[in-house]
């Protein structure tokens, strides 16, 4: 679903939804980011901060400017989940 010109409000809504439903978003350039827990992301006024999976014992965080969020989609469960 396109962010309707207001990715900030849409991502905040998805992060605070009860019960939480995992979602993913695409940024400019085609990279997709999945959010499986509300603890993985924080929405600020102009960007979204994501906790990335731990690699080599290190936690990484990235910030993505809201103007680069192109598409937001709910992640539907796979059969059997």
Protein backbone atom coordinates (compact mmCIF):
# COMPACT_ATOMS: atom_id res chain seq x y z
CA UNK A 1 0.00 0.00 0.00
CA UNK A 2 1.48 3.40 -0.89
CA UNK A 3 2.10 5.68 2.09
CA UNK A 4 -0.55 8.16 0.85
CA UNK A 5 1.90 11.04 1.13
CA UNK A 6 2.19 10.60 4.88
CA UNK A 7 4.55 7.72 5.64
CA UNK A 8 5.10 9.11 9.15
CA UNK A 9 1.48 8.62 10.25
CA UNK A 10 1.13 5.27 8.50
CA UNK A 11 4.28 3.80 10.07
CA UNK A 12 3.27 5.12 13.52
CA UNK A 13 -0.13 3.47 13.08
CA UNK A 14 1.45 0.15 12.09
CA UNK A 15 3.90 0.24 15.02
CA UNK A 16 1.20 0.94 17.63
CA UNK A 17 -1.48 -1.39 16.27
CA UNK A 18 -2.84 -3.86 18.85
CA UNK A 19 -2.28 -6.65 18.29
CA UNK A 20 0.87 -5.84 16.35
CA UNK A 21 0.95 -7.15 12.77
CA UNK A 22 4.37 -7.43 11.11
CA UNK A 23 4.88 -5.23 8.06
CA UNK A 24 7.54 -4.26 5.58
CA UNK A 25 8.36 -1.13 3.68
CA UNK A 26 10.28 -0.27 0.55
CA UNK A 27 12.60 2.68 0.33
CA UNK A 28 13.66 4.62 -2.72
CA UNK A 29 15.99 2.43 -4.74
CA UNK A 30 14.07 -0.79 -4.07
CA UNK A 31 15.45 -2.04 -0.73
CA UNK A 32 12.82 -3.68 1.52
CA UNK A 33 12.90 -3.66 5.33
CA UNK A 34 10.76 -5.98 7.46
CA UNK A 35 9.52 -5.03 10.92
CA UNK A 36 8.57 -8.13 12.95
CA UNK A 37 8.20 -6.41 16.32
CA UNK A 38 7.36 -2.86 17.40
CA UNK A 39 10.61 -2.95 19.39
CA UNK A 40 12.56 -3.08 16.11
CA UNK A 41 11.61 0.43 14.98
CA UNK A 42 11.03 3.97 16.18
CA UNK A 43 9.37 6.72 14.19
CA UNK A 44 10.70 10.24 14.64
CA UNK A 45 9.41 13.39 13.02
CA UNK A 46 11.42 12.93 9.82
CA UNK A 47 12.68 9.36 9.77
CA UNK A 48 12.32 5.78 10.94
CA UNK A 49 15.10 4.16 12.97
CA UNK A 50 15.46 0.40 12.59
CA UNK A 51 17.32 -2.12 14.72
CA UNK A 52 18.95 -4.46 12.23
CA UNK A 53 19.66 -8.15 12.93
CA UNK A 54 22.78 -8.79 14.99
CA UNK A 55 25.72 -9.76 12.78
CA UNK A 56 29.11 -10.85 14.07
CA UNK A 57 28.00 -10.00 17.60
CA UNK A 58 27.22 -6.38 16.73
CA UNK A 59 23.89 -4.58 16.77
CA UNK A 60 23.36 -2.06 13.99
CA UNK A 61 20.79 0.72 13.69
CA UNK A 62 19.88 2.59 10.54
CA UNK A 63 17.84 5.72 9.93
CA UNK A 64 15.74 6.13 6.81
CA UNK A 65 14.23 9.51 5.95
CA UNK A 66 10.46 9.41 5.55
CA UNK A 67 10.74 10.98 2.10
CA UNK A 68 12.42 7.71 1.00
CA UNK A 69 9.60 5.41 2.16
CA UNK A 70 7.76 4.36 -1.00
CA UNK A 71 5.54 1.40 -0.12
CA UNK A 72 4.25 -0.15 3.11
CA UNK A 73 2.74 -3.65 3.23
CA UNK A 74 1.34 -5.90 5.94
CA UNK A 75 3.16 -9.25 6.17
CA UNK A 76 0.50 -11.93 6.06
CA UNK A 77 1.18 -15.22 7.86
CA UNK A 78 2.25 -18.21 5.81
CA UNK A 79 -0.06 -21.24 6.02
CA UNK A 80 0.64 -23.09 9.23
CA UNK A 81 1.82 -20.04 11.21
